[in-house]
Protein backbone atom coordinates (compact mmCIF):
# COMPACT_ATOMS: atom_id res chain seq x y z
CA MET A 1 12.36 15.48 2.21
CA MET A 2 11.39 12.39 4.20
CA PRO A 3 13.46 12.40 7.85
CA GLU A 4 16.39 10.10 8.52
CA LEU A 5 17.26 7.41 10.70
CA HIS A 6 20.56 8.82 12.91
CA TYR A 7 22.62 5.56 11.85
CA PRO A 8 21.97 2.75 9.25
CA TRP A 9 20.02 0.51 11.48
CA LEU A 10 18.06 -1.10 8.92
CA GLU A 11 20.85 -1.86 5.81
CA CYS A 12 22.97 -3.39 9.31
CA SER A 13 19.85 -5.60 10.02
CA VAL A 14 19.95 -6.70 6.66
CA LEU A 15 23.31 -7.27 6.20
CA ILE A 16 24.77 -8.74 9.13
CA PRO A 17 22.14 -11.88 8.98
CA LEU A 18 23.29 -12.36 5.47
CA LEU A 19 26.82 -11.96 5.99
CA GLY A 20 26.75 -14.06 9.48
CA ALA A 21 25.04 -17.03 6.89
CA LEU A 22 28.20 -16.92 4.75
CA TRP A 23 30.52 -17.44 8.16
CA VAL A 24 28.30 -20.01 9.56
CA GLY A 25 28.20 -21.71 6.22
CA TRP A 26 31.70 -22.52 6.66
CA ILE A 27 31.57 -24.33 10.05
CA ARG A 28 31.19 -27.62 10.15
CA ASP A 29 30.56 -28.38 13.58
CA ALA A 30 27.03 -28.06 14.19
CA ASP A 31 27.03 -26.98 18.07
CA ARG A 32 29.89 -24.30 17.36
CA ALA A 33 27.25 -23.21 14.54
CA ARG A 34 24.70 -22.44 16.40
CA ARG A 35 27.03 -20.67 19.09
CA HIS A 36 27.66 -18.39 16.27
CA CYS A 37 24.14 -18.36 15.14
CA ILE A 38 22.95 -17.07 18.89
CA VAL A 39 25.61 -13.89 18.82
CA ILE A 40 24.53 -13.05 14.92
CA CYS A 41 20.81 -13.18 15.82
CA CYS A 42 21.76 -10.93 19.21
CA VAL A 43 23.50 -8.53 17.25
CA THR A 44 20.74 -8.38 14.71
CA LEU A 45 18.14 -7.81 17.46
CA SER A 46 20.23 -4.97 18.76
CA CYS A 47 20.33 -3.26 15.48
CA ALA A 48 16.51 -3.84 15.00
CA THR A 49 15.84 -2.33 18.66
CA GLY A 50 18.29 0.18 18.02
CA GLU A 51 16.45 1.50 14.66
CA TRP A 52 13.11 1.20 16.44
CA ILE A 53 14.41 3.47 19.34
CA ASP A 54 15.82 6.01 16.40
CA PHE A 55 12.66 6.36 14.89
CA MET A 56 10.49 7.00 18.30
CA ARG A 57 12.96 9.82 18.71
CA LEU A 58 12.40 11.16 15.32
CA GLY A 59 8.74 11.65 16.39
CA THR A 60 7.35 11.11 12.45
CA PHE A 61 5.32 8.57 10.77
CA GLU A 62 8.20 7.45 8.41
CA ALA A 63 11.80 7.73 7.91
CA HIS A 64 14.33 6.23 5.56
CA ASP A 65 17.99 4.79 6.39
CA HIS A 66 21.11 6.76 7.18
CA TRP A 67 22.86 5.44 4.22
CA ASP A 68 20.39 3.78 2.18
CA LEU A 69 23.17 2.87 -0.23
CA LEU A 70 20.44 1.12 -2.83
CA HIS A 71 19.44 4.82 -3.67
CA LEU A 72 22.59 4.99 -5.70
CA VAL A 73 20.68 1.79 -7.66
CA PHE A 74 17.20 2.48 -7.63
CA HIS A 75 17.39 6.28 -7.50
CA ARG A 76 14.61 6.14 -4.68
CA ASP A 77 14.69 5.16 -1.00
CA VAL A 78 14.72 1.23 -0.91
CA PHE A 79 14.59 0.98 3.12
CA VAL A 80 11.99 2.92 4.35
CA ILE A 81 10.09 1.92 7.62
CA ASP A 82 6.51 3.71 9.10
CA GLU A 83 5.29 3.41 12.12
CA LEU A 84 3.36 0.06 10.95
CA THR A 85 6.82 -1.75 10.44
CA ALA A 86 9.05 -0.05 13.28
CA PRO A 87 7.95 -2.51 15.89
CA LEU A 88 7.58 -5.63 13.24
CA LEU A 89 11.63 -5.46 12.77
CA PRO A 90 12.50 -6.16 16.40
CA LEU A 91 9.80 -8.58 16.60
CA GLY A 92 11.05 -10.45 13.39
CA ALA A 93 14.70 -10.62 14.81
CA LEU A 94 13.54 -11.82 18.19
CA LEU A 95 11.23 -14.71 16.54
CA TYR A 96 14.67 -16.03 14.91
CA LEU A 97 16.58 -15.43 17.91
CA MET A 98 14.23 -17.34 20.20
CA THR A 99 14.41 -20.53 17.53
CA VAL A 100 17.49 -20.89 17.02
CA LEU A 101 18.48 -20.41 20.87
CA SER A 102 15.89 -23.06 22.12
CA THR A 103 17.39 -25.27 19.45
CA LEU A 104 18.56 -28.47 21.61
CA ARG A 105 21.62 -30.49 20.38
CA THR A 106 19.58 -33.22 19.62
CA LYS A 107 17.97 -31.37 16.56
CA ILE A 108 21.08 -29.02 15.71
CA ASN A 109 21.99 -31.48 13.17
CA ARG A 110 18.60 -31.15 11.23
CA PHE A 111 18.49 -27.48 11.54
CA SER A 112 20.54 -25.39 9.16
CA PHE A 113 21.44 -22.30 10.87
CA GLY A 114 22.99 -20.95 7.59
CA TRP A 115 19.86 -21.01 5.62
CA THR A 116 18.23 -19.47 8.80
CA LEU A 117 19.82 -16.57 8.78
CA VAL A 118 19.15 -16.22 4.88
CA ALA A 119 15.67 -16.46 5.59
CA GLU A 120 15.88 -13.74 8.52
CA SER A 121 17.76 -11.05 6.24
CA ILE A 122 15.57 -11.26 3.80
CA LEU A 123 12.27 -10.96 6.04
CA LEU A 124 13.71 -7.79 7.49
CA ALA A 125 14.47 -6.49 4.23
CA THR A 126 10.42 -7.57 3.24
CA LEU A 127 9.53 -5.41 6.39
CA SER A 128 12.14 -2.73 5.63
CA CYS A 129 10.45 -2.08 1.97
CA ARG A 130 7.59 -0.57 0.39
CA SER A 131 8.09 -0.79 -3.14
CA PRO A 132 5.59 -3.44 -4.35
CA TRP A 133 8.09 -5.05 -7.02
CA VAL A 134 10.89 -4.97 -4.49
CA VAL A 135 8.39 -6.69 -1.76
CA ILE A 136 6.84 -8.90 -4.17
CA ALA A 137 10.63 -10.13 -5.11
CA LEU A 138 11.49 -10.64 -1.34
CA LEU A 139 8.28 -12.60 -0.64
CA SER A 140 9.10 -14.80 -3.41
CA LEU A 141 12.76 -15.54 -2.45
CA ALA A 142 11.51 -16.16 1.11
CA THR A 143 9.63 -19.32 -0.03
CA VAL A 144 13.14 -21.16 -1.14
CA PRO A 145 15.12 -21.70 2.19
CA PRO A 146 11.85 -24.21 3.01
CA TRP A 147 12.06 -26.10 -0.48
CA LEU A 148 15.64 -26.55 -0.12
CA GLU A 149 15.03 -28.15 3.15
CA LEU A 150 12.38 -30.25 1.60
CA ARG A 151 14.99 -31.16 -1.16
CA ALA A 152 17.44 -32.00 1.47
CA ARG A 153 15.24 -34.03 3.51
CA GLN A 154 14.48 -36.03 0.47
CA ARG A 155 10.68 -35.05 1.07
CA SER A 156 8.28 -34.65 -1.55
CA THR A 157 8.51 -30.80 -3.02
CA ARG A 158 5.05 -31.34 -4.76
CA VAL A 159 2.26 -29.88 -2.68
CA TYR A 160 4.55 -26.49 -1.87
CA VAL A 161 6.03 -25.80 -4.87
CA LEU A 162 2.51 -25.78 -6.40
CA HIS A 163 0.63 -23.54 -3.69
CA MET A 164 4.07 -21.52 -3.67
CA GLY A 165 4.24 -21.13 -7.41
CA LEU A 166 0.93 -20.34 -7.86
CA PHE A 167 1.11 -17.40 -4.84
CA ILE A 168 4.39 -16.00 -7.14
CA VAL A 169 2.67 -16.02 -10.44
CA LEU A 170 -0.87 -14.84 -9.13
CA LEU A 171 1.13 -12.13 -7.27
CA CYS A 172 3.24 -11.16 -10.23
CA SER A 173 0.47 -11.02 -12.59
CA GLY A 174 -1.72 -8.80 -10.32
CA GLN A 175 0.99 -6.24 -9.86
CA ALA A 176 1.85 -6.40 -13.50
CA LEU A 177 -1.67 -5.47 -14.37
CA LEU A 178 -2.09 -2.81 -12.12
CA PRO A 179 -2.75 0.16 -13.83
CA ASP A 180 -1.16 3.73 -13.18
CA GLY A 181 -3.53 5.94 -10.90
CA ALA A 182 -5.25 3.03 -9.13
CA SER A 183 -6.97 3.63 -5.72
CA PRO A 184 -9.53 2.62 -3.25
CA GLU A 185 -12.30 5.00 -5.79
CA ASN A 186 -10.79 3.83 -8.72
CA PRO A 187 -10.26 -0.02 -8.01
CA PRO A 188 -8.65 -2.36 -10.57
CA ILE A 189 -11.10 -5.44 -10.18
CA LEU A 190 -8.56 -8.17 -12.09
CA ALA A 191 -5.41 -6.85 -10.65
CA GLY A 192 -6.63 -6.46 -7.45
CA GLY A 193 -8.43 -9.94 -7.73
CA LEU A 194 -5.26 -11.41 -8.89
CA ILE A 195 -3.28 -9.90 -5.78
CA ALA A 196 -6.19 -10.74 -3.50
CA ALA A 197 -5.94 -14.29 -4.31
CA ALA A 198 -2.40 -14.50 -3.87
CA VAL A 199 -2.73 -12.87 -0.25
CA LEU A 200 -5.31 -15.43 0.67
CA LEU A 201 -3.29 -18.37 -0.79
CA ARG A 202 0.18 -17.18 1.36
CA SER A 203 -2.29 -16.71 4.37
CA GLY A 204 -3.55 -20.15 4.52
CA VAL A 205 -7.34 -18.87 3.88
CA ILE A 206 -9.49 -22.05 3.30
CA PRO A 207 -9.73 -24.02 0.66
CA LEU A 208 -5.99 -23.32 -0.01
CA HIS A 209 -4.18 -23.89 3.62
CA CYS A 210 -3.19 -27.80 3.26
CA TRP A 211 0.21 -26.45 2.20
CA ILE A 212 0.83 -25.08 5.61
CA THR A 213 -0.07 -28.80 7.39
CA ASP A 214 2.27 -30.45 4.50
CA LEU A 215 5.40 -27.98 5.30
CA PHE A 216 5.21 -28.83 9.21
CA GLU A 217 4.58 -32.49 8.55
CA LYS A 218 8.02 -32.58 6.25
CA VAL A 219 10.18 -29.83 7.42
CA THR A 220 11.54 -29.63 10.70
CA PHE A 221 9.37 -27.68 13.29
CA GLY A 222 11.94 -24.35 14.01
CA THR A 223 11.65 -23.86 9.94
CA ALA A 224 8.10 -24.24 9.34
CA LEU A 225 7.72 -22.03 12.48
CA LEU A 226 10.09 -19.33 10.85
CA PHE A 227 8.14 -19.45 7.77
CA VAL A 228 4.34 -18.97 8.89
CA MET A 229 5.04 -17.24 12.43
CA PRO A 230 5.68 -13.49 10.70
CA MET A 231 2.62 -13.24 8.89
CA THR A 232 3.87 -11.86 5.99
CA GLY A 233 0.91 -12.60 4.10
CA ALA A 234 -0.94 -9.67 6.40
CA TYR A 235 2.24 -7.48 5.44
CA ALA A 236 1.75 -8.10 1.93
CA VAL A 237 -2.25 -6.93 2.58
CA MET A 238 -0.78 -3.51 3.85
CA ARG A 239 1.85 -3.30 1.31
CA LEU A 240 -0.37 -4.32 -2.01
CA LEU A 241 -3.62 -4.75 -1.42
CA MET A 242 -4.63 -1.84 0.73
CA PRO A 243 -4.11 1.00 -1.27
CA ILE A 244 -5.89 -0.34 -4.04
CA ALA A 245 -9.05 -2.46 -2.89
CA PRO A 246 -12.14 -0.68 -2.17
CA ASN A 247 -13.83 -1.04 1.46
CA TRP A 248 -16.33 -3.78 -0.29
CA GLY A 249 -13.51 -5.58 -1.74
CA LEU A 250 -11.38 -5.95 2.15
CA GLN A 251 -14.70 -6.72 3.30
CA SER A 252 -15.40 -9.65 1.29
CA ILE A 253 -11.77 -10.96 2.04
CA ALA A 254 -12.41 -10.81 5.42
CA LEU A 255 -15.52 -13.17 5.25
CA PHE A 256 -13.46 -15.48 3.76
CA SER A 257 -10.68 -14.90 6.62
CA LEU A 258 -13.83 -15.17 9.19
CA MET A 259 -14.90 -18.79 7.67
CA THR A 260 -11.40 -19.93 7.95
CA ALA A 261 -10.89 -18.53 11.46
CA VAL A 262 -14.28 -20.65 12.42
CA TYR A 263 -13.08 -23.48 10.69
CA ALA A 264 -9.80 -23.60 11.69
CA ALA A 265 -10.62 -23.31 15.35
CA GLY A 266 -13.24 -26.26 14.89
CA MET A 267 -10.56 -28.05 13.59
CA ALA A 268 -8.13 -27.76 16.09
CA LEU A 269 -10.33 -29.13 18.21
CA VAL A 270 -10.49 -32.66 16.94
CA GLN A 271 -6.61 -33.06 16.03
CA HIS A 272 -4.86 -36.07 16.82
CA GLU A 273 -1.24 -35.03 16.33
CA SER A 274 0.31 -32.24 18.38
CA ARG A 275 2.06 -30.24 14.94
CA ARG A 276 -1.61 -30.41 13.01
CA PHE A 277 -3.09 -28.97 15.85
CA PHE A 278 -0.89 -26.20 16.48
CA CYS A 279 -1.11 -25.91 12.52
CA TYR A 280 -5.04 -25.34 13.11
CA LEU A 281 -4.60 -23.31 16.03
CA PHE A 282 -2.16 -20.76 14.29
CA LEU A 283 -4.41 -20.47 11.13
CA SER A 284 -7.52 -19.64 13.36
CA GLN A 285 -5.59 -16.50 15.16
CA ALA A 286 -3.89 -15.58 11.66
CA SER A 287 -7.28 -14.90 10.12
CA LEU A 288 -8.83 -12.91 12.82
CA VAL A 289 -5.96 -10.78 12.01
CA LEU A 290 -6.73 -10.63 8.42
CA VAL A 291 -10.25 -9.91 9.83
CA GLY A 292 -9.59 -6.92 11.57
CA LEU A 293 -7.36 -5.35 8.42
CA GLU A 294 -9.78 -6.04 6.02
CA THR A 295 -12.84 -4.00 8.24
CA ALA A 296 -10.72 -1.02 7.20
CA THR A 297 -11.92 0.85 10.34
CA ALA A 298 -9.74 2.75 12.87
CA ILE A 299 -10.91 0.75 15.96
CA GLY A 300 -10.74 -2.96 13.80
CA LEU A 301 -7.40 -1.90 12.23
CA THR A 302 -5.69 -1.08 15.61
CA GLY A 303 -7.09 -4.37 16.93
CA ALA A 304 -5.26 -6.15 14.06
CA LEU A 305 -2.27 -4.32 14.52
CA CYS A 306 -2.16 -5.55 18.36
CA VAL A 307 -3.28 -9.18 17.51
CA TRP A 308 -0.71 -9.47 14.98
CA VAL A 309 2.21 -8.60 17.34
CA SER A 310 0.51 -10.50 20.14
CA VAL A 311 -0.13 -13.80 18.08
CA SER A 312 3.22 -13.49 16.80
CA ILE A 313 4.67 -13.65 20.21
CA SER A 314 1.90 -15.78 21.90
CA MET A 315 2.20 -18.64 18.98
CA LEU A 316 6.29 -18.48 18.92
CA GLY A 317 6.30 -19.36 22.61
CA PHE A 318 3.63 -21.88 21.91
CA GLY A 319 5.32 -23.48 19.26
CA LEU A 320 8.22 -23.53 20.64
CA THR A 321 7.28 -25.30 24.09
CA LEU A 322 5.89 -28.21 21.62
CA ARG A 323 9.08 -28.08 19.74
CA SER A 324 11.21 -28.71 22.97
CA VAL A 325 8.69 -31.42 24.18
CA GLU A 326 8.75 -33.30 20.85
CA ALA A 327 12.91 -33.04 21.05
CA ARG A 328 12.73 -35.03 24.36
CA VAL A 329 9.96 -37.44 23.55
CA GLY A 330 9.46 -37.60 19.52
CA ARG A 331 6.00 -36.44 18.03
CA LEU A 332 3.22 -36.09 20.35
CA SER A 333 -0.42 -37.66 20.38
CA LEU A 334 -3.30 -35.97 21.56
CA ASP A 335 -5.61 -38.95 21.89
CA SER A 336 -3.84 -40.25 25.24
CA TYR A 337 -2.46 -38.40 28.38
CA HIS A 338 1.63 -38.15 28.67
CA GLY A 339 1.91 -36.23 31.94
CA LEU A 340 5.01 -34.24 31.65
CA TYR A 341 4.37 -31.78 34.04
CA SER A 342 6.69 -32.98 36.80
CA HIS A 343 9.53 -33.34 34.33
CA ILE A 344 9.29 -29.80 32.55
CA PRO A 345 6.77 -27.44 34.90
CA ALA A 346 8.50 -24.50 33.15
CA LEU A 347 7.34 -25.72 29.96
CA ALA A 348 4.02 -26.75 30.87
CA ALA A 349 3.81 -22.91 32.23
CA LEU A 350 4.65 -21.24 29.23
CA PHE A 351 2.52 -23.89 27.27
CA LEU A 352 -0.45 -22.60 29.21
CA LEU A 353 0.73 -18.95 29.37
CA THR A 354 1.11 -18.26 25.42
CA GLY A 355 -1.85 -20.66 24.61
CA LEU A 356 -3.94 -18.60 26.68
CA SER A 357 -2.28 -15.13 25.22
CA SER A 358 -3.02 -16.55 21.70
CA ILE A 359 -6.84 -16.28 22.74
CA GLY A 360 -6.92 -13.05 24.67
CA PHE A 361 -7.17 -13.78 28.19
CA PRO A 362 -7.39 -10.86 30.44
CA GLY A 363 -3.87 -9.67 32.00
CA THR A 364 -2.14 -10.99 28.89
CA LEU A 365 -0.82 -9.25 25.71
CA GLY A 366 -3.46 -10.66 23.18
CA PHE A 367 -6.19 -9.15 25.64
CA ILE A 368 -6.44 -5.59 24.46
CA GLY A 369 -6.15 -6.46 20.78
CA ALA A 370 -8.84 -9.20 20.89
CA GLU A 371 -11.28 -6.47 22.39
CA LEU A 372 -10.59 -4.20 19.79
CA LEU A 373 -11.04 -6.27 17.33
CA VAL A 374 -14.41 -7.89 18.21
CA GLU A 375 -15.93 -4.17 18.58
CA GLY A 376 -14.23 -2.88 15.09
CA ALA A 377 -15.83 -6.26 13.59
CA VAL A 378 -19.33 -5.59 15.23
CA GLY A 379 -18.89 -2.30 13.61
CA VAL A 380 -18.70 -3.69 10.19
CA TYR A 381 -21.13 -6.48 10.41
CA PRO A 382 -22.80 -7.46 14.01
CA VAL A 383 -22.50 -11.43 12.93
CA VAL A 384 -18.80 -10.69 12.41
CA GLY A 385 -18.41 -10.33 15.83
CA VAL A 386 -20.08 -13.15 17.16
CA LEU A 387 -18.18 -15.36 14.69
CA VAL A 388 -15.19 -13.91 16.03
CA VAL A 389 -15.99 -14.76 20.02
CA VAL A 390 -17.22 -17.93 18.52
CA ALA A 391 -13.72 -18.75 17.05
CA GLY A 392 -11.69 -17.10 19.94
CA ALA A 393 -14.02 -19.79 22.54
CA LEU A 394 -13.27 -22.83 20.49
CA ASN A 395 -9.33 -21.69 20.36
CA GLY A 396 -9.51 -21.43 24.31
CA ILE A 397 -11.15 -25.27 24.58
CA ALA A 398 -8.46 -26.79 22.07
CA VAL A 399 -5.52 -24.95 24.30
CA MET A 400 -6.69 -26.44 27.27
CA GLN A 401 -7.50 -29.75 25.87
CA ALA A 402 -4.13 -29.79 24.63
CA TYR A 403 -2.26 -28.86 27.81
CA PHE A 404 -4.45 -31.40 29.37
CA ARG A 405 -3.33 -34.47 27.29
CA LEU A 406 0.37 -33.16 27.14
CA PHE A 407 1.15 -32.56 30.93
CA THR A 408 -1.47 -34.39 33.33
CA GLY A 409 -3.52 -37.08 33.47
CA THR A 410 -0.97 -39.69 34.38
CA GLU A 411 2.75 -40.09 35.47
CA HIS A 412 5.65 -39.74 32.73
CA HIS A 413 8.72 -42.38 33.75
CA ALA A 414 11.72 -41.32 32.05
CA SER A 415 15.27 -42.89 32.05
CA VAL A 416 16.96 -39.57 31.65
CA SER A 417 16.25 -36.11 32.78
CA LEU A 418 13.79 -33.94 30.71
CA ALA A 419 14.24 -30.84 32.96
CA ALA A 420 14.58 -27.68 31.08
CA ARG A 421 17.90 -26.36 29.65
CA TRP A 422 19.31 -22.72 30.31
CA PRO A 423 18.57 -21.66 26.91
CA GLU A 424 14.87 -22.49 27.26
CA LYS A 425 15.04 -21.04 30.66
CA VAL A 426 16.21 -17.73 29.17
CA ALA A 427 13.22 -18.56 26.48
CA VAL A 428 10.40 -18.77 28.82
CA LEU A 429 11.34 -15.72 31.06
CA LEU A 430 11.62 -13.46 28.36
CA LEU A 431 8.62 -14.53 26.68
CA SER A 432 6.75 -14.56 29.57
CA VAL A 433 7.85 -10.85 30.75
CA LEU A 434 6.84 -9.75 27.07
CA ILE A 435 3.11 -11.46 27.35
CA LEU A 436 2.83 -9.99 30.82
CA GLY A 437 4.18 -6.81 30.61
CA GLY A 438 2.29 -6.12 27.39
CA GLY A 439 -0.92 -7.28 29.37
CA LEU A 440 -0.58 -4.99 32.22
CA TRP A 441 0.94 -1.49 30.23
CA PRO A 442 -0.87 -1.70 26.91
CA GLN A 443 -1.07 1.81 26.24
CA PRO A 444 2.00 2.24 24.42
CA GLY A 445 1.56 -0.65 21.96
CA VAL A 446 -1.99 0.63 21.60
CA GLN A 447 -1.14 4.18 20.77
CA SER A 448 1.23 3.45 18.34
CA ARG A 449 -1.06 0.93 16.63
CA TYR A 450 -3.76 3.38 17.01
CA HIS A 451 -1.42 6.23 14.95
CA ALA A 452 -0.61 3.56 12.49
CA ALA A 453 -3.93 2.87 11.98
CA ILE A 454 -5.27 6.32 11.72
CA GLU A 455 -2.59 7.06 9.28
CA ILE A 456 -2.93 3.74 7.06
CA ILE A 457 -6.88 4.54 6.62
CA THR A 458 -6.30 8.54 6.07
CA ARG A 459 -3.87 7.46 2.86
CA ARG A 460 -6.81 5.40 1.65
CA GLN A 461 -9.28 8.28 1.92
CA GLY A 462 -6.48 10.01 -0.40
CA GLY A 463 -5.86 12.90 2.65
CA PHE A 464 -2.45 14.10 3.32
CA GLN A 465 1.01 12.81 2.87
CA PRO A 466 3.03 12.86 5.86
CA SER A 467 6.15 15.23 5.80
CA SER A 468 9.27 15.44 8.05
CA ASP A 469 7.04 17.74 10.40
CA HIS A 470 4.13 15.12 10.67
CA ALA A 471 3.56 13.83 14.14
CA ALA A 472 1.23 10.84 14.90
CA PRO A 473 -2.26 11.91 16.33
CA PRO A 474 -2.17 13.01 20.23
CA ALA A 475 -2.01 10.16 23.18
CA ARG A 476 -5.00 11.53 24.48
CA ASP A 477 -7.09 11.66 21.14
CA ALA A 478 -6.00 7.89 20.51
CA THR A 479 -7.39 7.09 24.23
CA VAL A 480 -10.61 9.00 23.60
CA GLU A 481 -10.88 7.31 20.13
CA LEU A 482 -10.72 3.81 21.90
CA ARG A 483 -12.73 4.38 24.98
CA ARG A 484 -15.62 5.18 22.64
């Protein structure tokens, strides 16, 4: 029997934002809706964190929810988490809380709090499910809120609909053609190829990346951040592609991801507009996560899972900083110096900290993951490790260049105060603690990601199925392997 959580954390995490969306939707005053949305996001984060703590106390690899009422309908455990997804739920809830909390009053009329809560519910449900068809249905449903915002803003939906429609068709076709008994030893070439193409499209791998820049141009910055930042394309790789794809297939996909990482890093260097700069920087970092996931080695997979968390937190802070600056001075050009440091030093410090963390600067959350990712990539193809380092170097130059253009070089004169508001200061403090704390004390996170990587590889190799009394590999073994 699969272990059971002590409380219905998963269903509460999914239902609270969904019910909250119904409540917020009836509130006409935008500022009041924002305050209620913050409370709902805080409660959701508390439930997601409770799930993580409860799961760790069980000492097992997987567990299902305490109630799981959907079991009565589907006759199977629908809400199931394992060591891979347990920390991703509080991470996803944190992404939404930080975005809503940092939304200034000047932007609340453009940002839909009701649909944001719906999107949060869909994301947490996706991360709580392992059934392929349920995951596909939720990934498809997640594409609706951005489309509704595009329609509400009377912007062209052609590019977005074309790409997301193709993503859904490829994903459904691949899963429908998947034969029984498919495995890495008996790979379904056609079905696996369709699923791989869908995952690459959703992840923005070149040449299928133009929908991301188009989305950032046409919707609010917050909506675009929340749609791409959880990296559900990587989650689809773990749930839909990893169990059936052979090693050569994963490594071929990794090469496409690597080319995207280097290409996007180079493009980030030459952008003239801040949103497009952020898009390419994120694409480069997210592609590096896919490179590690698809090496299918213990060290590379561990590094990818660590980078997944660090990039989500770091790029969220980086994006929220740009969003806050935009709320004060409008769209930002990188062709000239703006000199904003004297007005918003806290946001400038967060911009630099999160940008450096995203590229794996020593002492930050992304450092250990980046090192493991490079080591794992070198083990597959030596040239891959070199290109990963090149992409990181280009991203580092791009981050520093953007910092100097936005915050130094001249003196900015403003007729009103541009100082950071208290919600932004709270976000700055919390994200700084996570980035620096994870960098100075990385062992718990690395150990958890290593255990998850070992279990994923064991399952791919047709090893044992975890039972209720199965625990993750000892911490000592993990430390020895990582040191090697």
